[in-house]
């Protein structure tokens, strides 16, 4: 499984925010895209997810496991996305939030998968808890697992650690990267903090002129 971008650029009307660039992200690889606010880094994620809103526009091509995704609606692209806000449903329990992200199937099979997912992120027994009773780190782990239970072919991480304190941030970062690499999920991480990038991973920077360069 690989995510390949070819001559991708982002424009705002006649203004070019991100100059055309190409990138290949392999199975289980996490690539980091950095840049200041307004540089267009989150717009790249929105373009891949299928949620870019006019007058912003994307140009170029993107394939996921050889399949053109720009020709597909957002719900068919199989792109998971994790934001800095966990976006859990407050009227649902932790277990119900996880079940929401899963494909339909036999109830017992889905419940078993949900409980196994909680055990995997060391939150076994939390299924009946309201999300608002959890810590920020616990909520972020639930949010990540909800995305993974939808079986995305690739993951987009949009500043997912920025609201966590430094100690918790390091732990959640390790857990997140560990899960994604173990599952072989190609991942594009957007951040403004180099400390969020995985060790030895490829890091790209959007310059003030919109060029994408290796750090």
C-alpha atoms as a PDB file:
ATOM      1  CA  UNK A   1       0.000   0.000   0.000  1.00  0.00           C
ATOM      2  CA  UNK A   2       1.452   3.386  -0.961  1.00  0.00           C
ATOM      3  CA  UNK A   3       0.269   6.977  -1.313  1.00  0.00           C
ATOM      4  CA  UNK A   4       1.783   8.774  -4.303  1.00  0.00           C
ATOM      5  CA  UNK A   5       1.448  12.495  -5.077  1.00  0.00           C
ATOM      6  CA  UNK A   6       2.472  13.745  -8.526  1.00  0.00           C
ATOM      7  CA  UNK A   7       2.950  17.445  -9.231  1.00  0.00           C
ATOM      8  CA  UNK A   8       0.513  18.454  -6.500  1.00  0.00           C
ATOM      9  CA  UNK A   9      -0.084  22.186  -6.075  1.00  0.00           C
ATOM     10  CA  UNK A  10      -2.584  24.306  -4.146  1.00  0.00           C
ATOM     11  CA  UNK A  11      -3.936  27.594  -5.499  1.00  0.00           C
ATOM     12  CA  UNK A  12      -6.144  30.340  -4.106  1.00  0.00           C
ATOM     13  CA  UNK A  13      -7.642  31.975  -7.148  1.00  0.00           C
ATOM     14  CA  UNK A  14      -4.633  33.075  -9.220  1.00  0.00           C
ATOM     15  CA  UNK A  15      -2.242  32.840  -6.252  1.00  0.00           C
ATOM     16  CA  UNK A  16      -0.103  29.710  -5.913  1.00  0.00           C
ATOM     17  CA  UNK A  17       0.112  28.709  -2.229  1.00  0.00           C
ATOM     18  CA  UNK A  18       2.017  25.469  -2.749  1.00  0.00           C
ATOM     19  CA  UNK A  19       4.282  25.041  -5.771  1.00  0.00           C
ATOM     20  CA  UNK A  20       3.942  21.656  -7.570  1.00  0.00           C
ATOM     21  CA  UNK A  21       5.723  18.842  -5.724  1.00  0.00           C
ATOM     22  CA  UNK A  22       5.789  15.054  -5.847  1.00  0.00           C
ATOM     23  CA  UNK A  23       5.967  12.570  -2.994  1.00  0.00           C
ATOM     24  CA  UNK A  24       5.692   8.819  -2.440  1.00  0.00           C
ATOM     25  CA  UNK A  25       4.816   7.431   0.999  1.00  0.00           C
ATOM     26  CA  UNK A  26       5.336   3.700   1.375  1.00  0.00           C
ATOM     27  CA  UNK A  27       3.682   1.076   3.553  1.00  0.00           C
ATOM     28  CA  UNK A  28       4.012   2.002   7.232  1.00  0.00           C
ATOM     29  CA  UNK A  29       6.025   5.142   6.406  1.00  0.00           C
ATOM     30  CA  UNK A  30       5.308   8.462   8.127  1.00  0.00           C
ATOM     31  CA  UNK A  31       6.304  11.621   6.252  1.00  0.00           C
ATOM     32  CA  UNK A  32       6.144  15.015   7.959  1.00  0.00           C
ATOM     33  CA  UNK A  33       5.103  18.222   6.180  1.00  0.00           C
ATOM     34  CA  UNK A  34       5.987  21.427   8.037  1.00  0.00           C
ATOM     35  CA  UNK A  35       5.298  25.102   7.511  1.00  0.00           C
ATOM     36  CA  UNK A  36       3.956  28.196   9.269  1.00  0.00           C
ATOM     37  CA  UNK A  37       0.249  28.959   9.596  1.00  0.00           C
ATOM     38  CA  UNK A  38      -1.243  29.856   6.225  1.00  0.00           C
ATOM     39  CA  UNK A  39       1.477  28.075   4.231  1.00  0.00           C
ATOM     40  CA  UNK A  40      -1.000  25.575   2.773  1.00  0.00           C
ATOM     41  CA  UNK A  41       0.083  22.438   4.628  1.00  0.00           C
ATOM     42  CA  UNK A  42      -3.399  21.646   6.005  1.00  0.00           C
ATOM     43  CA  UNK A  43      -4.861  22.426   2.578  1.00  0.00           C
ATOM     44  CA  UNK A  44      -2.725  19.606   1.165  1.00  0.00           C
ATOM     45  CA  UNK A  45      -4.379  17.217   3.636  1.00  0.00           C
ATOM     46  CA  UNK A  46      -7.845  18.556   2.784  1.00  0.00           C
ATOM     47  CA  UNK A  47      -7.126  18.077  -0.922  1.00  0.00           C
ATOM     48  CA  UNK A  48      -6.173  14.439  -0.320  1.00  0.00           C
ATOM     49  CA  UNK A  49      -9.178  13.864   1.932  1.00  0.00           C
ATOM     50  CA  UNK A  50     -11.565  15.394  -0.608  1.00  0.00           C
ATOM     51  CA  UNK A  51     -12.673  18.251   1.671  1.00  0.00           C
ATOM     52  CA  UNK A  52     -10.877  21.215   0.073  1.00  0.00           C
ATOM     53  CA  UNK A  53     -13.300  24.121  -0.279  1.00  0.00           C
ATOM     54  CA  UNK A  54     -13.327  26.709  -3.106  1.00  0.00           C
ATOM     55  CA  UNK A  55     -11.773  29.133  -3.898  1.00  0.00           C
ATOM     56  CA  UNK A  56      -8.904  26.846  -2.867  1.00  0.00           C
ATOM     57  CA  UNK A  57      -8.115  24.290  -5.559  1.00  0.00           C
ATOM     58  CA  UNK A  58      -5.767  21.336  -6.000  1.00  0.00           C
ATOM     59  CA  UNK A  59      -3.914  20.442  -9.182  1.00  0.00           C
ATOM     60  CA  UNK A  60      -1.927  17.359 -10.096  1.00  0.00           C
ATOM     61  CA  UNK A  61      -2.641  13.713  -9.345  1.00  0.00           C
ATOM     62  CA  UNK A  62      -2.736  11.436  -6.303  1.00  0.00           C
ATOM     63  CA  UNK A  63      -2.999   7.660  -6.172  1.00  0.00           C
ATOM     64  CA  UNK A  64      -3.513   5.287  -3.260  1.00  0.00           C
ATOM     65  CA  UNK A  65      -2.342   1.764  -3.982  1.00  0.00           C
ATOM     66  CA  UNK A  66      -2.439   2.688  -7.673  1.00  0.00           C
ATOM     67  CA  UNK A  67      -6.008   4.043  -7.566  1.00  0.00           C
ATOM     68  CA  UNK A  68      -6.680   7.669  -8.581  1.00  0.00           C
ATOM     69  CA  UNK A  69      -8.307   9.321  -5.562  1.00  0.00           C
ATOM     70  CA  UNK A  70      -8.982  12.776  -7.003  1.00  0.00           C
ATOM     71  CA  UNK A  71     -11.670  11.200  -9.164  1.00  0.00           C
ATOM     72  CA  UNK A  72     -13.495   9.851  -6.112  1.00  0.00           C
ATOM     73  CA  UNK A  73     -15.818  11.476  -3.543  1.00  0.00           C
ATOM     74  CA  UNK A  74     -14.361  11.872  -0.046  1.00  0.00           C
ATOM     75  CA  UNK A  75     -16.216   8.884   1.418  1.00  0.00           C
ATOM     76  CA  UNK A  76     -14.698   6.518  -1.151  1.00  0.00           C
ATOM     77  CA  UNK A  77     -11.071   7.592  -0.810  1.00  0.00           C
ATOM     78  CA  UNK A  78     -10.311   5.486   2.308  1.00  0.00           C
ATOM     79  CA  UNK A  79      -8.321   8.327   3.843  1.00  0.00           C
ATOM     80  CA  UNK A  80      -8.380   8.509   7.642  1.00  0.00           C
ATOM     81  CA  UNK A  81      -7.784  11.875   9.285  1.00  0.00           C
ATOM     82  CA  UNK A  82      -6.878  12.881  12.826  1.00  0.00           C
ATOM     83  CA  UNK A  83      -7.120  16.496  13.985  1.00  0.00           C
ATOM     84  CA  UNK A  84      -5.796  18.414  17.007  1.00  0.00           C
ATOM     85  CA  UNK A  85      -9.365  18.237  18.398  1.00  0.00           C
ATOM     86  CA  UNK A  86     -10.510  14.652  18.992  1.00  0.00           C
ATOM     87  CA  UNK A  87     -14.044  15.237  17.587  1.00  0.00           C
ATOM     88  CA  UNK A  88     -15.555  12.385  19.616  1.00  0.00           C
ATOM     89  CA  UNK A  89     -19.356  12.366  19.844  1.00  0.00           C
ATOM     90  CA  UNK A  90     -20.229  13.509  23.397  1.00  0.00           C
ATOM     91  CA  UNK A  91     -23.679  11.831  23.341  1.00  0.00           C
ATOM     92  CA  UNK A  92     -22.071   8.419  22.685  1.00  0.00           C
ATOM     93  CA  UNK A  93     -20.027   6.209  24.992  1.00  0.00           C
ATOM     94  CA  UNK A  94     -16.430   5.369  24.170  1.00  0.00           C
ATOM     95  CA  UNK A  95     -17.543   2.006  22.793  1.00  0.00           C
ATOM     96  CA  UNK A  96     -20.265   3.579  20.653  1.00  0.00           C
ATOM     97  CA  UNK A  97     -17.764   6.065  19.244  1.00  0.00           C
ATOM     98  CA  UNK A  98     -15.511   3.195  18.183  1.00  0.00           C
ATOM     99  CA  UNK A  99     -18.379   1.189  16.718  1.00  0.00           C
ATOM    100  CA  UNK A 100     -19.415   4.234  14.681  1.00  0.00           C
ATOM    101  CA  UNK A 101     -16.152   4.069  12.762  1.00  0.00           C
ATOM    102  CA  UNK A 102     -16.482   0.386  11.887  1.00  0.00           C
ATOM    103  CA  UNK A 103     -18.037  -1.283   8.882  1.00  0.00           C
ATOM    104  CA  UNK A 104     -21.393  -2.939   9.419  1.00  0.00           C
ATOM    105  CA  UNK A 105     -21.430  -6.629  10.278  1.00  0.00           C
ATOM    106  CA  UNK A 106     -22.471  -9.127  12.898  1.00  0.00           C
ATOM    107  CA  UNK A 107     -23.045  -7.386  16.252  1.00  0.00           C
ATOM    108  CA  UNK A 108     -20.910  -9.814  18.266  1.00  0.00           C
ATOM    109  CA  UNK A 109     -18.043  -9.548  15.797  1.00  0.00           C
ATOM    110  CA  UNK A 110     -18.150  -5.754  15.967  1.00  0.00           C
ATOM    111  CA  UNK A 111     -18.289  -5.741  19.771  1.00  0.00           C
ATOM    112  CA  UNK A 112     -15.358  -8.135  19.922  1.00  0.00           C
ATOM    113  CA  UNK A 113     -13.310  -5.934  17.552  1.00  0.00           C
ATOM    114  CA  UNK A 114     -14.194  -2.826  19.583  1.00  0.00           C
ATOM    115  CA  UNK A 115     -13.045  -4.426  22.849  1.00  0.00           C
ATOM    116  CA  UNK A 116      -9.855  -5.710  21.231  1.00  0.00           C
ATOM    117  CA  UNK A 117      -9.172  -2.166  19.993  1.00  0.00           C
ATOM    118  CA  UNK A 118      -9.554  -0.768  23.512  1.00  0.00           C
ATOM    119  CA  UNK A 119      -7.136  -3.371  24.828  1.00  0.00           C
ATOM    120  CA  UNK A 120      -4.640  -2.487  22.098  1.00  0.00           C
ATOM    121  CA  UNK A 121      -4.539   1.148  23.260  1.00  0.00           C
ATOM    122  CA  UNK A 122      -4.504   0.157  26.964  1.00  0.00           C
ATOM    123  CA  UNK A 123      -8.046   1.390  27.680  1.00  0.00           C
ATOM    124  CA  UNK A 124      -9.649  -1.979  28.316  1.00  0.00           C
ATOM    125  CA  UNK A 125     -12.940  -1.640  30.205  1.00  0.00           C
ATOM    126  CA  UNK A 126     -13.587   1.936  29.077  1.00  0.00           C
ATOM    127  CA  UNK A 127     -16.356   1.084  26.612  1.00  0.00           C
ATOM    128  CA  UNK A 128     -19.214   2.454  28.753  1.00  0.00           C
ATOM    129  CA  UNK A 129     -17.435   5.667  29.737  1.00  0.00           C
ATOM    130  CA  UNK A 130     -18.623   9.040  28.354  1.00  0.00           C
ATOM    131  CA  UNK A 131     -15.781  10.686  26.355  1.00  0.00           C
ATOM    132  CA  UNK A 132     -15.924  13.817  28.508  1.00  0.00           C
ATOM    133  CA  UNK A 133     -14.725  11.810  31.547  1.00  0.00           C
ATOM    134  CA  UNK A 134     -11.448  10.904  29.807  1.00  0.00           C
ATOM    135  CA  UNK A 135      -8.158  12.780  29.815  1.00  0.00           C
ATOM    136  CA  UNK A 136      -6.933  14.556  26.701  1.00  0.00           C
ATOM    137  CA  UNK A 137      -4.494  11.768  25.915  1.00  0.00           C
ATOM    138  CA  UNK A 138      -7.111   9.063  26.376  1.00  0.00           C
ATOM    139  CA  UNK A 139      -9.532  10.917  24.102  1.00  0.00           C
ATOM    140  CA  UNK A 140      -6.858  11.258  21.418  1.00  0.00           C
ATOM    141  CA  UNK A 141      -6.119   7.522  21.588  1.00  0.00           C
ATOM    142  CA  UNK A 142      -9.834   6.766  21.175  1.00  0.00           C
ATOM    143  CA  UNK A 143     -10.055   9.176  18.255  1.00  0.00           C
ATOM    144  CA  UNK A 144      -7.074   7.542  16.526  1.00  0.00           C
ATOM    145  CA  UNK A 145      -8.476   4.052  17.032  1.00  0.00           C
ATOM    146  CA  UNK A 146     -11.878   5.128  15.705  1.00  0.00           C
ATOM    147  CA  UNK A 147     -10.121   6.256  12.524  1.00  0.00           C
ATOM    148  CA  UNK A 148      -8.165   2.996  12.276  1.00  0.00           C
ATOM    149  CA  UNK A 149     -11.256   0.826  12.801  1.00  0.00           C
ATOM    150  CA  UNK A 150     -12.660   2.333   9.599  1.00  0.00           C
ATOM    151  CA  UNK A 151      -9.717   0.539   7.911  1.00  0.00           C
ATOM    152  CA  UNK A 152      -8.248   3.550   6.077  1.00  0.00           C
ATOM    153  CA  UNK A 153      -5.749   2.836   3.346  1.00  0.00           C
ATOM    154  CA  UNK A 154      -3.769   5.925   4.424  1.00  0.00           C
ATOM    155  CA  UNK A 155      -3.786   8.357   7.348  1.00  0.00           C
ATOM    156  CA  UNK A 156      -3.621  12.154   7.440  1.00  0.00           C
ATOM    157  CA  UNK A 157      -2.516  13.669  10.758  1.00  0.00           C
ATOM    158  CA  UNK A 158      -3.355  17.374  11.121  1.00  0.00           C
ATOM    159  CA  UNK A 159      -1.424  18.774  14.151  1.00  0.00           C
ATOM    160  CA  UNK A 160      -2.878  15.958  16.333  1.00  0.00           C
ATOM    161  CA  UNK A 161      -0.495  16.501  19.264  1.00  0.00           C
ATOM    162  CA  UNK A 162      -0.525  20.298  19.527  1.00  0.00           C
ATOM    163  CA  UNK A 163      -3.017  20.569  22.413  1.00  0.00           C
ATOM    164  CA  UNK A 164      -1.310  18.006  24.651  1.00  0.00           C
ATOM    165  CA  UNK A 165       1.208  18.862  27.365  1.00  0.00           C
ATOM    166  CA  UNK A 166       4.826  17.930  26.666  1.00  0.00           C
ATOM    167  CA  UNK A 167       4.972  14.714  28.727  1.00  0.00           C
ATOM    168  CA  UNK A 168       1.691  13.376  27.373  1.00  0.00           C
ATOM    169  CA  UNK A 169       2.563  14.583  23.889  1.00  0.00           C
ATOM    170  CA  UNK A 170       5.641  12.355  23.696  1.00  0.00           C
ATOM    171  CA  UNK A 171       3.703   9.297  24.888  1.00  0.00           C
ATOM    172  CA  UNK A 172       0.753   9.787  22.516  1.00  0.00           C
ATOM    173  CA  UNK A 173       3.137  10.466  19.634  1.00  0.00           C
ATOM    174  CA  UNK A 174       4.934   7.159  20.270  1.00  0.00           C
ATOM    175  CA  UNK A 175       1.637   5.271  20.561  1.00  0.00           C
ATOM    176  CA  UNK A 176       0.244   6.830  17.404  1.00  0.00           C
ATOM    177  CA  UNK A 177       3.316   6.192  15.279  1.00  0.00           C
ATOM    178  CA  UNK A 178       3.641   2.670  16.661  1.00  0.00           C
ATOM    179  CA  UNK A 179       0.079   1.748  15.711  1.00  0.00           C
ATOM    180  CA  UNK A 180       0.358   3.244  12.220  1.00  0.00           C
ATOM    181  CA  UNK A 181       3.672   1.561  11.448  1.00  0.00           C
ATOM    182  CA  UNK A 182       2.512  -1.784  12.849  1.00  0.00           C
ATOM    183  CA  UNK A 183      -0.542  -1.664  10.590  1.00  0.00           C
ATOM    184  CA  UNK A 184       1.519  -0.639   7.552  1.00  0.00           C
ATOM    185  CA  UNK A 185      -0.486   2.546   7.017  1.00  0.00           C
ATOM    186  CA  UNK A 186       1.169   5.211   4.822  1.00  0.00           C
ATOM    187  CA  UNK A 187       0.840   8.473   6.747  1.00  0.00           C
ATOM    188  CA  UNK A 188       1.282  12.186   6.070  1.00  0.00           C
ATOM    189  CA  UNK A 189       1.745  14.286   9.225  1.00  0.00           C
ATOM    190  CA  UNK A 190       1.300  18.070   9.178  1.00  0.00           C
ATOM    191  CA  UNK A 191       2.845  20.044  12.027  1.00  0.00           C
ATOM    192  CA  UNK A 192       4.667  23.286  12.822  1.00  0.00           C
ATOM    193  CA  UNK A 193       6.874  21.584  15.442  1.00  0.00           C
ATOM    194  CA  UNK A 194       9.856  19.485  14.314  1.00  0.00           C
ATOM    195  CA  UNK A 195       9.683  17.595  17.634  1.00  0.00           C
ATOM    196  CA  UNK A 196       6.477  15.946  16.388  1.00  0.00           C
ATOM    197  CA  UNK A 197       8.240  14.281  13.464  1.00  0.00           C
ATOM    198  CA  UNK A 198       9.162  10.594  13.926  1.00  0.00           C
ATOM    199  CA  UNK A 199      12.855   9.903  14.385  1.00  0.00           C
ATOM    200  CA  UNK A 200      14.701   9.206  11.126  1.00  0.00           C
ATOM    201  CA  UNK A 201      11.514   9.979   9.154  1.00  0.00           C
ATOM    202  CA  UNK A 202      11.446  12.164   6.068  1.00  0.00           C
ATOM    203  CA  UNK A 203      10.628  15.821   6.789  1.00  0.00           C
ATOM    204  CA  UNK A 204       9.464  18.342   4.181  1.00  0.00           C
ATOM    205  CA  UNK A 205       9.138  22.109   4.626  1.00  0.00           C
ATOM    206  CA  UNK A 206       6.902  24.533   2.744  1.00  0.00           C
ATOM    207  CA  UNK A 207       9.029  27.674   2.268  1.00  0.00           C
ATOM    208  CA  UNK A 208       7.622  31.227   2.328  1.00  0.00           C
ATOM    209  CA  UNK A 209       7.577  31.010  -1.475  1.00  0.00           C
ATOM    210  CA  UNK A 210       5.434  27.859  -1.449  1.00  0.00           C
ATOM    211  CA  UNK A 211       8.211  25.482  -2.457  1.00  0.00           C
ATOM    212  CA  UNK A 212       8.336  22.050  -0.785  1.00  0.00           C
ATOM    213  CA  UNK A 213      11.856  21.066   0.190  1.00  0.00           C
ATOM    214  CA  UNK A 214      13.496  18.302   2.246  1.00  0.00           C
ATOM    215  CA  UNK A 215      14.738  19.412   5.663  1.00  0.00           C
END
